[in-house]
C-alpha cells in the first residue's frame, strides 16, 4: 500500500465515524454500560461462585437432566437481580425506558 492508498483508507474511516447517528451513539452507550456491569469484578466473583455451586450437575453426555431447567432459571434470576440492583443503586446509569428501547434493535426490544 502506498501513501495515497493509506490516506484514502484513513479518510474513509474518518468519514464513517463522523457520520454515525445519534441513535448509534445512544445504543453504544446503553450496551457499553451493560458491558461494564458484566465485566465488573463483583459480578465475575458472583458468577464464579454460582458456577462452582452447580458445575458438578453437568455431565458430558447428550442426555439432558431434569435439574438443568431449574439451574438455568436460578442463573437467570441471579443475573436479573444483579442488573436490577445495579440500576436501583445507581451504580450503572439507568436510561429512560422509552429512550433505552429506541436505542435497541427491533428484535431486542421488550414490550
PDB file of N, CA and C in Angstrom:
ATOM      1  N   UNK A   1       0.839  -1.170   0.000  1.00  0.00           N
ATOM      2  CA  UNK A   1       0.000   0.000   0.000  1.00  0.00           C
ATOM      3  C   UNK A   1       0.888   1.238   0.000  1.00  0.00           C
ATOM      4  N   UNK A   2       0.591   2.139  -0.907  1.00  0.00           N
ATOM      5  CA  UNK A   2       1.367   3.377  -0.922  1.00  0.00           C
ATOM      6  C   UNK A   2       0.670   4.442  -0.071  1.00  0.00           C
ATOM      7  N   UNK A   3       1.290   5.600   0.041  1.00  0.00           N
ATOM      8  CA  UNK A   3       0.788   6.671   0.922  1.00  0.00           C
ATOM      9  C   UNK A   3      -0.587   7.151   0.476  1.00  0.00           C
ATOM     10  N   UNK A   4      -0.828   7.228  -0.816  1.00  0.00           N
ATOM     11  CA  UNK A   4      -2.130   7.687  -1.307  1.00  0.00           C
ATOM     12  C   UNK A   4      -3.238   6.731  -0.885  1.00  0.00           C
ATOM     13  N   UNK A   5      -2.961   5.429  -0.977  1.00  0.00           N
ATOM     14  CA  UNK A   5      -3.964   4.429  -0.573  1.00  0.00           C
ATOM     15  C   UNK A   5      -4.232   4.488   0.928  1.00  0.00           C
ATOM     16  N   UNK A   6      -3.190   4.642   1.716  1.00  0.00           N
ATOM     17  CA  UNK A   6      -3.342   4.745   3.168  1.00  0.00           C
ATOM     18  C   UNK A   6      -4.164   5.977   3.520  1.00  0.00           C
ATOM     19  N   UNK A   7      -3.861   7.097   2.865  1.00  0.00           N
ATOM     20  CA  UNK A   7      -4.601   8.340   3.112  1.00  0.00           C
ATOM     21  C   UNK A   7      -6.069   8.162   2.755  1.00  0.00           C
ATOM     22  N   UNK A   8      -6.348   7.498   1.646  1.00  0.00           N
ATOM     23  CA  UNK A   8      -7.736   7.269   1.225  1.00  0.00           C
ATOM     24  C   UNK A   8      -8.483   6.405   2.242  1.00  0.00           C
ATOM     25  N   UNK A   9      -7.851   5.355   2.724  1.00  0.00           N
ATOM     26  CA  UNK A   9      -8.472   4.479   3.720  1.00  0.00           C
ATOM     27  C   UNK A   9      -8.749   5.258   4.998  1.00  0.00           C
ATOM     28  N   UNK A  10      -7.793   6.051   5.455  1.00  0.00           N
ATOM     29  CA  UNK A  10      -7.988   6.842   6.671  1.00  0.00           C
ATOM     30  C   UNK A  10      -9.122   7.848   6.508  1.00  0.00           C
ATOM     31  N   UNK A  11      -9.226   8.469   5.333  1.00  0.00           N
ATOM     32  CA  UNK A  11     -10.313   9.418   5.089  1.00  0.00           C
ATOM     33  C   UNK A  11     -11.666   8.710   5.109  1.00  0.00           C
ATOM     34  N   UNK A  12     -11.739   7.507   4.531  1.00  0.00           N
ATOM     35  CA  UNK A  12     -12.988   6.740   4.528  1.00  0.00           C
ATOM     36  C   UNK A  12     -13.387   6.367   5.954  1.00  0.00           C
ATOM     37  N   UNK A  13     -12.422   5.936   6.768  1.00  0.00           N
ATOM     38  CA  UNK A  13     -12.713   5.574   8.156  1.00  0.00           C
ATOM     39  C   UNK A  13     -13.160   6.791   8.947  1.00  0.00           C
ATOM     40  N   UNK A  14     -12.526   7.927   8.707  1.00  0.00           N
ATOM     41  CA  UNK A  14     -12.894   9.156   9.393  1.00  0.00           C
ATOM     42  C   UNK A  14     -14.311   9.569   9.019  1.00  0.00           C
ATOM     43  N   UNK A  15     -14.656   9.449   7.754  1.00  0.00           N
ATOM     44  CA  UNK A  15     -15.992   9.793   7.291  1.00  0.00           C
ATOM     45  C   UNK A  15     -17.019   8.864   7.929  1.00  0.00           C
ATOM     46  N   UNK A  16     -16.719   7.581   8.012  1.00  0.00           N
ATOM     47  CA  UNK A  16     -17.646   6.620   8.612  1.00  0.00           C
ATOM     48  C   UNK A  16     -17.889   6.943  10.077  1.00  0.00           C
ATOM     49  N   UNK A  17     -16.867   7.330  10.793  1.00  0.00           N
ATOM     50  CA  UNK A  17     -17.017   7.671  12.204  1.00  0.00           C
ATOM     51  C   UNK A  17     -17.812   8.947  12.364  1.00  0.00           C
ATOM     52  N   UNK A  18     -17.558   9.939  11.547  1.00  0.00           N
ATOM     53  CA  UNK A  18     -18.227  11.227  11.707  1.00  0.00           C
ATOM     54  C   UNK A  18     -19.683  11.192  11.288  1.00  0.00           C
ATOM     55  N   UNK A  19     -20.097  10.217  10.473  1.00  0.00           N
ATOM     56  CA  UNK A  19     -21.484  10.154  10.025  1.00  0.00           C
ATOM     57  C   UNK A  19     -22.337   9.226  10.879  1.00  0.00           C
ATOM     58  N   UNK A  20     -21.780   8.650  11.935  1.00  0.00           N
ATOM     59  CA  UNK A  20     -22.601   7.784  12.778  1.00  0.00           C
ATOM     60  C   UNK A  20     -23.688   8.627  13.429  1.00  0.00           C
ATOM     61  N   UNK A  21     -24.848   8.042  13.526  1.00  0.00           N
ATOM     62  CA  UNK A  21     -26.007   8.792  14.002  1.00  0.00           C
ATOM     63  C   UNK A  21     -26.042   8.882  15.518  1.00  0.00           C
ATOM     64  N   UNK A  22     -26.888   9.763  15.991  1.00  0.00           N
ATOM     65  CA  UNK A  22     -27.102   9.902  17.426  1.00  0.00           C
ATOM     66  C   UNK A  22     -27.665   8.610  17.996  1.00  0.00           C
ATOM     67  N   UNK A  23     -28.542   7.948  17.234  1.00  0.00           N
ATOM     68  CA  UNK A  23     -29.127   6.683  17.692  1.00  0.00           C
ATOM     69  C   UNK A  23     -28.049   5.629  17.911  1.00  0.00           C
ATOM     70  N   UNK A  24     -27.076   5.586  17.012  1.00  0.00           N
ATOM     71  CA  UNK A  24     -25.983   4.626  17.177  1.00  0.00           C
ATOM     72  C   UNK A  24     -25.157   4.949  18.409  1.00  0.00           C
ATOM     73  N   UNK A  25     -24.927   6.226  18.652  1.00  0.00           N
ATOM     74  CA  UNK A  25     -24.172   6.640  19.833  1.00  0.00           C
ATOM     75  C   UNK A  25     -24.932   6.291  21.100  1.00  0.00           C
ATOM     76  N   UNK A  26     -26.257   6.476  21.090  1.00  0.00           N
ATOM     77  CA  UNK A  26     -27.078   6.120  22.245  1.00  0.00           C
ATOM     78  C   UNK A  26     -27.046   4.614  22.480  1.00  0.00           C
ATOM     79  N   UNK A  27     -27.157   3.842  21.403  1.00  0.00           N
ATOM     80  CA  UNK A  27     -27.094   2.388  21.507  1.00  0.00           C
ATOM     81  C   UNK A  27     -25.754   1.963  22.088  1.00  0.00           C
ATOM     82  N   UNK A  28     -24.682   2.535  21.581  1.00  0.00           N
ATOM     83  CA  UNK A  28     -23.345   2.208  22.082  1.00  0.00           C
ATOM     84  C   UNK A  28     -23.216   2.517  23.567  1.00  0.00           C
ATOM     85  N   UNK A  29     -23.819   3.622  24.019  1.00  0.00           N
ATOM     86  CA  UNK A  29     -23.757   3.986  25.431  1.00  0.00           C
ATOM     87  C   UNK A  29     -24.522   2.990  26.291  1.00  0.00           C
ATOM     88  N   UNK A  30     -25.699   2.570  25.839  1.00  0.00           N
ATOM     89  CA  UNK A  30     -26.506   1.592  26.582  1.00  0.00           C
ATOM     90  C   UNK A  30     -25.772   0.264  26.674  1.00  0.00           C
ATOM     91  N   UNK A  31     -25.301  -0.224  25.546  1.00  0.00           N
ATOM     92  CA  UNK A  31     -24.602  -1.505  25.523  1.00  0.00           C
ATOM     93  C   UNK A  31     -23.297  -1.413  26.319  1.00  0.00           C
ATOM     94  N   UNK A  32     -22.599  -0.304  26.185  1.00  0.00           N
ATOM     95  CA  UNK A  32     -21.341  -0.115  26.913  1.00  0.00           C
ATOM     96  C   UNK A  32     -21.532  -0.158  28.412  1.00  0.00           C
ATOM     97  N   UNK A  33     -22.611   0.445  28.902  1.00  0.00           N
ATOM     98  CA  UNK A  33     -22.851   0.410  30.355  1.00  0.00           C
ATOM     99  C   UNK A  33     -23.145  -1.002  30.820  1.00  0.00           C
ATOM    100  N   UNK A  34     -23.835  -1.788  29.978  1.00  0.00           N
ATOM    101  CA  UNK A  34     -24.114  -3.190  30.348  1.00  0.00           C
ATOM    102  C   UNK A  34     -22.851  -4.029  30.289  1.00  0.00           C
ATOM    103  N   UNK A  35     -22.011  -3.765  29.322  1.00  0.00           N
ATOM    104  CA  UNK A  35     -20.732  -4.475  29.240  1.00  0.00           C
ATOM    105  C   UNK A  35     -19.880  -4.196  30.467  1.00  0.00           C
ATOM    106  N   UNK A  36     -19.846  -2.924  30.878  1.00  0.00           N
ATOM    107  CA  UNK A  36     -19.083  -2.561  32.071  1.00  0.00           C
ATOM    108  C   UNK A  36     -19.595  -3.318  33.291  1.00  0.00           C
ATOM    109  N   UNK A  37     -20.918  -3.455  33.367  1.00  0.00           N
ATOM    110  CA  UNK A  37     -21.520  -4.125  34.514  1.00  0.00           C
ATOM    111  C   UNK A  37     -21.125  -5.600  34.571  1.00  0.00           C
ATOM    112  N   UNK A  38     -21.206  -6.306  33.446  1.00  0.00           N
ATOM    113  CA  UNK A  38     -20.912  -7.736  33.489  1.00  0.00           C
ATOM    114  C   UNK A  38     -19.409  -8.026  33.546  1.00  0.00           C
ATOM    115  N   UNK A  39     -18.590  -7.036  33.234  1.00  0.00           N
ATOM    116  CA  UNK A  39     -17.144  -7.220  33.353  1.00  0.00           C
ATOM    117  C   UNK A  39     -16.630  -6.793  34.722  1.00  0.00           C
ATOM    118  N   UNK A  40     -17.506  -6.233  35.544  1.00  0.00           N
ATOM    119  CA  UNK A  40     -17.143  -5.788  36.879  1.00  0.00           C
ATOM    120  C   UNK A  40     -16.651  -6.968  37.721  1.00  0.00           C
ATOM    121  N   UNK A  41     -15.664  -6.745  38.546  1.00  0.00           N
ATOM    122  CA  UNK A  41     -15.072  -7.808  39.371  1.00  0.00           C
ATOM    123  C   UNK A  41     -16.106  -8.442  40.295  1.00  0.00           C
ATOM    124  N   UNK A  42     -17.002  -7.636  40.857  1.00  0.00           N
ATOM    125  CA  UNK A  42     -18.032  -8.173  41.758  1.00  0.00           C
ATOM    126  C   UNK A  42     -18.923  -9.174  41.027  1.00  0.00           C
ATOM    127  N   UNK A  43     -19.350  -8.827  39.819  1.00  0.00           N
ATOM    128  CA  UNK A  43     -20.196  -9.736  39.047  1.00  0.00           C
ATOM    129  C   UNK A  43     -19.440 -11.008  38.699  1.00  0.00           C
ATOM    130  N   UNK A  44     -18.183 -10.874  38.336  1.00  0.00           N
ATOM    131  CA  UNK A  44     -17.385 -12.050  37.987  1.00  0.00           C
ATOM    132  C   UNK A  44     -17.250 -13.008  39.171  1.00  0.00           C
ATOM    133  N   UNK A  45     -17.065 -12.472  40.367  1.00  0.00           N
ATOM    134  CA  UNK A  45     -16.969 -13.316  41.569  1.00  0.00           C
ATOM    135  C   UNK A  45     -18.299 -14.017  41.825  1.00  0.00           C
ATOM    136  N   UNK A  46     -19.398 -13.274  41.737  1.00  0.00           N
ATOM    137  CA  UNK A  46     -20.719 -13.868  41.950  1.00  0.00           C
ATOM    138  C   UNK A  46     -21.010 -14.960  40.924  1.00  0.00           C
ATOM    139  N   UNK A  47     -20.666 -14.693  39.679  1.00  0.00           N
ATOM    140  CA  UNK A  47     -20.882 -15.679  38.614  1.00  0.00           C
ATOM    141  C   UNK A  47     -20.035 -16.928  38.856  1.00  0.00           C
ATOM    142  N   UNK A  48     -18.798 -16.718  39.260  1.00  0.00           N
ATOM    143  CA  UNK A  48     -17.914 -17.861  39.525  1.00  0.00           C
ATOM    144  C   UNK A  48     -18.435 -18.696  40.692  1.00  0.00           C
ATOM    145  N   UNK A  49     -18.915 -18.038  41.740  1.00  0.00           N
ATOM    146  CA  UNK A  49     -19.479 -18.759  42.879  1.00  0.00           C
ATOM    147  C   UNK A  49     -20.694 -19.579  42.458  1.00  0.00           C
ATOM    148  N   UNK A  50     -21.527 -19.013  41.597  1.00  0.00           N
ATOM    149  CA  UNK A  50     -22.692 -19.733  41.094  1.00  0.00           C
ATOM    150  C   UNK A  50     -22.252 -20.969  40.309  1.00  0.00           C
ATOM    151  N   UNK A  51     -21.287 -20.796  39.433  1.00  0.00           N
ATOM    152  CA  UNK A  51     -20.801 -21.931  38.636  1.00  0.00           C
ATOM    153  C   UNK A  51     -20.180 -22.998  39.525  1.00  0.00           C
ATOM    154  N   UNK A  52     -19.412 -22.587  40.523  1.00  0.00           N
ATOM    155  CA  UNK A  52     -18.804 -23.552  41.433  1.00  0.00           C
ATOM    156  C   UNK A  52     -19.853 -24.364  42.186  1.00  0.00           C
ATOM    157  N   UNK A  53     -20.977 -23.723  42.479  1.00  0.00           N
ATOM    158  CA  UNK A  53     -22.050 -24.390  43.217  1.00  0.00           C
ATOM    159  C   UNK A  53     -22.736 -25.461  42.370  1.00  0.00           C
ATOM    160  N   UNK A  54     -22.825 -25.255  41.051  1.00  0.00           N
ATOM    161  CA  UNK A  54     -23.635 -26.145  40.210  1.00  0.00           C
ATOM    162  C   UNK A  54     -22.875 -26.925  39.140  1.00  0.00           C
ATOM    163  N   UNK A  55     -21.582 -26.723  38.981  1.00  0.00           N
ATOM    164  CA  UNK A  55     -20.899 -27.348  37.850  1.00  0.00           C
ATOM    165  C   UNK A  55     -20.926 -28.876  37.907  1.00  0.00           C
ATOM    166  N   UNK A  56     -20.999 -29.457  39.086  1.00  0.00           N
ATOM    167  CA  UNK A  56     -20.984 -30.923  39.208  1.00  0.00           C
ATOM    168  C   UNK A  56     -22.267 -31.568  38.699  1.00  0.00           C
ATOM    169  N   UNK A  57     -23.304 -30.761  38.520  1.00  0.00           N
ATOM    170  CA  UNK A  57     -24.569 -31.286  37.999  1.00  0.00           C
ATOM    171  C   UNK A  57     -24.475 -31.635  36.510  1.00  0.00           C
ATOM    172  N   UNK A  58     -23.511 -31.056  35.818  1.00  0.00           N
ATOM    173  CA  UNK A  58     -23.431 -31.220  34.376  1.00  0.00           C
ATOM    174  C   UNK A  58     -22.444 -32.314  34.010  1.00  0.00           C
ATOM    175  N   UNK A  59     -22.896 -33.174  33.125  1.00  0.00           N
ATOM    176  CA  UNK A  59     -22.066 -34.270  32.631  1.00  0.00           C
ATOM    177  C   UNK A  59     -21.922 -34.117  31.118  1.00  0.00           C
ATOM    178  N   UNK A  60     -20.864 -34.668  30.584  1.00  0.00           N
ATOM    179  CA  UNK A  60     -20.595 -34.576  29.155  1.00  0.00           C
ATOM    180  C   UNK A  60     -21.336 -35.699  28.418  1.00  0.00           C
ATOM    181  N   UNK A  61     -22.651 -35.606  28.399  1.00  0.00           N
ATOM    182  CA  UNK A  61     -23.490 -36.574  27.694  1.00  0.00           C
ATOM    183  C   UNK A  61     -24.526 -35.812  26.888  1.00  0.00           C
ATOM    184  N   UNK A  62     -25.190 -36.533  25.997  1.00  0.00           N
ATOM    185  CA  UNK A  62     -26.216 -35.898  25.187  1.00  0.00           C
ATOM    186  C   UNK A  62     -27.543 -35.805  25.931  1.00  0.00           C
ATOM    187  N   UNK A  63     -27.691 -36.565  26.977  1.00  0.00           N
ATOM    188  CA  UNK A  63     -28.932 -36.575  27.733  1.00  0.00           C
ATOM    189  C   UNK A  63     -29.026 -35.359  28.647  1.00  0.00           C
ATOM    190  N   UNK A  64     -30.154 -34.694  28.606  1.00  0.00           N
ATOM    191  CA  UNK A  64     -30.400 -33.562  29.493  1.00  0.00           C
ATOM    192  C   UNK A  64     -31.006 -34.071  30.794  1.00  0.00           C
ATOM    193  N   UNK A  65     -30.516 -33.542  31.878  1.00  0.00           N
ATOM    194  CA  UNK A  65     -31.054 -33.926  33.179  1.00  0.00           C
ATOM    195  C   UNK A  65     -32.219 -33.006  33.544  1.00  0.00           C
ATOM    196  N   UNK A  66     -33.093 -33.496  34.376  1.00  0.00           N
ATOM    197  CA  UNK A  66     -34.246 -32.709  34.804  1.00  0.00           C
ATOM    198  C   UNK A  66     -33.840 -31.512  35.659  1.00  0.00           C
ATOM    199  N   UNK A  67     -32.635 -31.531  36.196  1.00  0.00           N
ATOM    200  CA  UNK A  67     -32.180 -30.406  37.030  1.00  0.00           C
ATOM    201  C   UNK A  67     -31.712 -29.211  36.197  1.00  0.00           C
ATOM    202  N   UNK A  68     -31.438 -29.413  34.918  1.00  0.00           N
ATOM    203  CA  UNK A  68     -30.915 -28.324  34.096  1.00  0.00           C
ATOM    204  C   UNK A  68     -31.838 -27.109  34.028  1.00  0.00           C
ATOM    205  N   UNK A  69     -33.150 -27.286  33.777  1.00  0.00           N
ATOM    206  CA  UNK A  69     -34.014 -26.099  33.726  1.00  0.00           C
ATOM    207  C   UNK A  69     -34.041 -25.324  35.050  1.00  0.00           C
ATOM    208  N   UNK A  70     -34.024 -26.019  36.165  1.00  0.00           N
ATOM    209  CA  UNK A  70     -34.038 -25.337  37.463  1.00  0.00           C
ATOM    210  C   UNK A  70     -32.756 -24.522  37.654  1.00  0.00           C
ATOM    211  N   UNK A  71     -31.635 -25.086  37.260  1.00  0.00           N
ATOM    212  CA  UNK A  71     -30.360 -24.370  37.380  1.00  0.00           C
ATOM    213  C   UNK A  71     -30.363 -23.164  36.438  1.00  0.00           C
ATOM    214  N   UNK A  72     -30.860 -23.352  35.228  1.00  0.00           N
ATOM    215  CA  UNK A  72     -30.954 -22.250  34.279  1.00  0.00           C
ATOM    216  C   UNK A  72     -31.803 -21.122  34.855  1.00  0.00           C
ATOM    217  N   UNK A  73     -32.952 -21.466  35.422  1.00  0.00           N
ATOM    218  CA  UNK A  73     -33.840 -20.446  35.993  1.00  0.00           C
ATOM    219  C   UNK A  73     -33.199 -19.730  37.174  1.00  0.00           C
ATOM    220  N   UNK A  74     -32.452 -20.459  38.000  1.00  0.00           N
ATOM    221  CA  UNK A  74     -31.736 -19.814  39.110  1.00  0.00           C
ATOM    222  C   UNK A  74     -30.688 -18.845  38.580  1.00  0.00           C
ATOM    223  N   UNK A  75     -29.983 -19.256  37.531  1.00  0.00           N
ATOM    224  CA  UNK A  75     -28.960 -18.389  36.934  1.00  0.00           C
ATOM    225  C   UNK A  75     -29.602 -17.139  36.333  1.00  0.00           C
ATOM    226  N   UNK A  76     -30.695 -17.326  35.629  1.00  0.00           N
ATOM    227  CA  UNK A  76     -31.396 -16.188  35.035  1.00  0.00           C
ATOM    228  C   UNK A  76     -31.875 -15.230  36.120  1.00  0.00           C
ATOM    229  N   UNK A  77     -32.436 -15.771  37.174  1.00  0.00           N
ATOM    230  CA  UNK A  77     -32.910 -14.947  38.285  1.00  0.00           C
ATOM    231  C   UNK A  77     -31.754 -14.194  38.937  1.00  0.00           C
ATOM    232  N   UNK A  78     -30.633 -14.872  39.116  1.00  0.00           N
ATOM    233  CA  UNK A  78     -29.433 -14.262  39.700  1.00  0.00           C
ATOM    234  C   UNK A  78     -28.968 -13.073  38.861  1.00  0.00           C
ATOM    235  N   UNK A  79     -28.907 -13.255  37.548  1.00  0.00           N
ATOM    236  CA  UNK A  79     -28.445 -12.189  36.659  1.00  0.00           C
ATOM    237  C   UNK A  79     -29.429 -11.023  36.660  1.00  0.00           C
ATOM    238  N   UNK A  80     -30.724 -11.332  36.563  1.00  0.00           N
ATOM    239  CA  UNK A  80     -31.736 -10.271  36.570  1.00  0.00           C
ATOM    240  C   UNK A  80     -31.694  -9.471  37.864  1.00  0.00           C
ATOM    241  N   UNK A  81     -31.542 -10.163  38.988  1.00  0.00           N
ATOM    242  CA  UNK A  81     -31.497  -9.478  40.282  1.00  0.00           C
ATOM    243  C   UNK A  81     -30.259  -8.590  40.368  1.00  0.00           C
ATOM    244  N   UNK A  82     -29.127  -9.071  39.879  1.00  0.00           N
ATOM    245  CA  UNK A  82     -27.900  -8.274  39.902  1.00  0.00           C
ATOM    246  C   UNK A  82     -28.073  -7.000  39.072  1.00  0.00           C
ATOM    247  N   UNK A  83     -28.623  -7.159  37.867  1.00  0.00           N
ATOM    248  CA  UNK A  83     -28.832  -5.996  36.998  1.00  0.00           C
ATOM    249  C   UNK A  83     -29.784  -5.009  37.658  1.00  0.00           C
ATOM    250  N   UNK A  84     -30.881  -5.519  38.199  1.00  0.00           N
ATOM    251  CA  UNK A  84     -31.860  -4.656  38.856  1.00  0.00           C
ATOM    252  C   UNK A  84     -31.226  -3.896  40.019  1.00  0.00           C
ATOM    253  N   UNK A  85     -30.450  -4.583  40.838  1.00  0.00           N
ATOM    254  CA  UNK A  85     -29.788  -3.922  41.970  1.00  0.00           C
ATOM    255  C   UNK A  85     -28.809  -2.861  41.502  1.00  0.00           C
ATOM    256  N   UNK A  86     -28.078  -3.132  40.433  1.00  0.00           N
ATOM    257  CA  UNK A  86     -27.134  -2.156  39.906  1.00  0.00           C
ATOM    258  C   UNK A  86     -27.865  -0.908  39.422  1.00  0.00           C
ATOM    259  N   UNK A  87     -28.999  -1.111  38.758  1.00  0.00           N
ATOM    260  CA  UNK A  87     -29.788   0.018  38.267  1.00  0.00           C
ATOM    261  C   UNK A  87     -30.402   0.803  39.424  1.00  0.00           C
ATOM    262  N   UNK A  88     -30.964   0.096  40.404  1.00  0.00           N
ATOM    263  CA  UNK A  88     -31.609   0.768  41.531  1.00  0.00           C
ATOM    264  C   UNK A  88     -30.607   1.516  42.408  1.00  0.00           C
ATOM    265  N   UNK A  89     -29.425   0.951  42.562  1.00  0.00           N
ATOM    266  CA  UNK A  89     -28.406   1.602  43.383  1.00  0.00           C
ATOM    267  C   UNK A  89     -27.704   2.733  42.647  1.00  0.00           C
ATOM    268  N   UNK A  90     -27.992   2.871  41.362  1.00  0.00           N
ATOM    269  CA  UNK A  90     -27.390   3.941  40.584  1.00  0.00           C
ATOM    270  C   UNK A  90     -25.934   3.687  40.250  1.00  0.00           C
ATOM    271  N   UNK A  91     -25.492   2.436  40.402  1.00  0.00           N
ATOM    272  CA  UNK A  91     -24.105   2.106  40.103  1.00  0.00           C
ATOM    273  C   UNK A  91     -23.861   2.195  38.604  1.00  0.00           C
ATOM    274  N   UNK A  92     -24.839   1.768  37.823  1.00  0.00           N
ATOM    275  CA  UNK A  92     -24.759   1.965  36.380  1.00  0.00           C
ATOM    276  C   UNK A  92     -25.906   2.878  35.989  1.00  0.00           C
ATOM    277  N   UNK A  93     -25.736   3.643  34.942  1.00  0.00           N
ATOM    278  CA  UNK A  93     -26.787   4.573  34.546  1.00  0.00           C
ATOM    279  C   UNK A  93     -28.074   3.839  34.200  1.00  0.00           C
ATOM    280  N   UNK A  94     -29.178   4.373  34.651  1.00  0.00           N
ATOM    281  CA  UNK A  94     -30.493   3.809  34.352  1.00  0.00           C
ATOM    282  C   UNK A  94     -31.127   4.666  33.263  1.00  0.00           C
ATOM    283  N   UNK A  95     -31.131   4.180  32.044  1.00  0.00           N
ATOM    284  CA  UNK A  95     -31.661   5.005  30.967  1.00  0.00           C
ATOM    285  C   UNK A  95     -33.175   5.131  31.051  1.00  0.00           C
ATOM    286  N   UNK A  96     -33.674   6.183  30.466  1.00  0.00           N
ATOM    287  CA  UNK A  96     -35.113   6.335  30.302  1.00  0.00           C
ATOM    288  C   UNK A  96     -35.599   5.122  29.514  1.00  0.00           C
ATOM    289  N   UNK A  97     -36.649   4.467  29.984  1.00  0.00           N
ATOM    290  CA  UNK A  97     -37.080   3.216  29.379  1.00  0.00           C
ATOM    291  C   UNK A  97     -37.419   3.380  27.902  1.00  0.00           C
ATOM    292  N   UNK A  98     -38.173   4.403  27.542  1.00  0.00           N
ATOM    293  CA  UNK A  98     -38.519   4.605  26.135  1.00  0.00           C
ATOM    294  C   UNK A  98     -37.268   4.864  25.313  1.00  0.00           C
ATOM    295  N   UNK A  99     -36.379   5.692  25.857  1.00  0.00           N
ATOM    296  CA  UNK A  99     -35.126   6.011  25.179  1.00  0.00           C
ATOM    297  C   UNK A  99     -34.289   4.745  25.020  1.00  0.00           C
ATOM    298  N   UNK A 100     -34.230   3.941  26.060  1.00  0.00           N
ATOM    299  CA  UNK A 100     -33.455   2.698  26.042  1.00  0.00           C
ATOM    300  C   UNK A 100     -34.006   1.750  24.982  1.00  0.00           C
ATOM    301  N   UNK A 101     -35.314   1.603  24.923  1.00  0.00           N
ATOM    302  CA  UNK A 101     -35.930   0.707  23.940  1.00  0.00           C
ATOM    303  C   UNK A 101     -35.678   1.182  22.518  1.00  0.00           C
ATOM    304  N   UNK A 102     -35.724   2.497  22.308  1.00  0.00           N
ATOM    305  CA  UNK A 102     -35.462   3.026  20.964  1.00  0.00           C
ATOM    306  C   UNK A 102     -34.030   2.740  20.531  1.00  0.00           C
ATOM    307  N   UNK A 103     -33.113   2.704  21.482  1.00  0.00           N
ATOM    308  CA  UNK A 103     -31.696   2.505  21.136  1.00  0.00           C
ATOM    309  C   UNK A 103     -31.406   1.059  20.747  1.00  0.00           C
ATOM    310  N   UNK A 104     -32.271   0.132  21.173  1.00  0.00           N
ATOM    311  CA  UNK A 104     -32.049  -1.270  20.864  1.00  0.00           C
ATOM    312  C   UNK A 104     -32.630  -1.630  19.497  1.00  0.00           C
ATOM    313  N   UNK A 105     -31.978  -2.548  18.783  1.00  0.00           N
ATOM    314  CA  UNK A 105     -32.552  -3.018  17.511  1.00  0.00           C
ATOM    315  C   UNK A 105     -33.893  -3.705  17.779  1.00  0.00           C
ATOM    316  N   UNK A 106     -34.748  -3.738  16.795  1.00  0.00           N
ATOM    317  CA  UNK A 106     -36.113  -4.268  16.924  1.00  0.00           C
ATOM    318  C   UNK A 106     -36.186  -5.642  17.611  1.00  0.00           C
ATOM    319  N   UNK A 107     -35.365  -6.642  17.235  1.00  0.00           N
ATOM    320  CA  UNK A 107     -35.515  -7.959  17.886  1.00  0.00           C
ATOM    321  C   UNK A 107     -35.180  -7.950  19.377  1.00  0.00           C
ATOM    322  N   UNK A 108     -34.455  -6.963  19.868  1.00  0.00           N
ATOM    323  CA  UNK A 108     -34.059  -6.942  21.262  1.00  0.00           C
ATOM    324  C   UNK A 108     -34.987  -6.100  22.137  1.00  0.00           C
ATOM    325  N   UNK A 109     -35.970  -5.471  21.556  1.00  0.00           N
ATOM    326  CA  UNK A 109     -36.892  -4.645  22.325  1.00  0.00           C
ATOM    327  C   UNK A 109     -37.876  -5.513  23.089  1.00  0.00           C
ATOM    328  N   UNK A 110     -38.205  -5.066  24.284  1.00  0.00           N
ATOM    329  CA  UNK A 110     -39.207  -5.750  25.095  1.00  0.00           C
ATOM    330  C   UNK A 110     -40.452  -4.892  25.132  1.00  0.00           C
ATOM    331  N   UNK A 111     -41.601  -5.523  25.131  1.00  0.00           N
ATOM    332  CA  UNK A 111     -42.834  -4.741  25.185  1.00  0.00           C
ATOM    333  C   UNK A 111     -43.320  -4.577  26.599  1.00  0.00           C
TER     334      UNK A 111
END
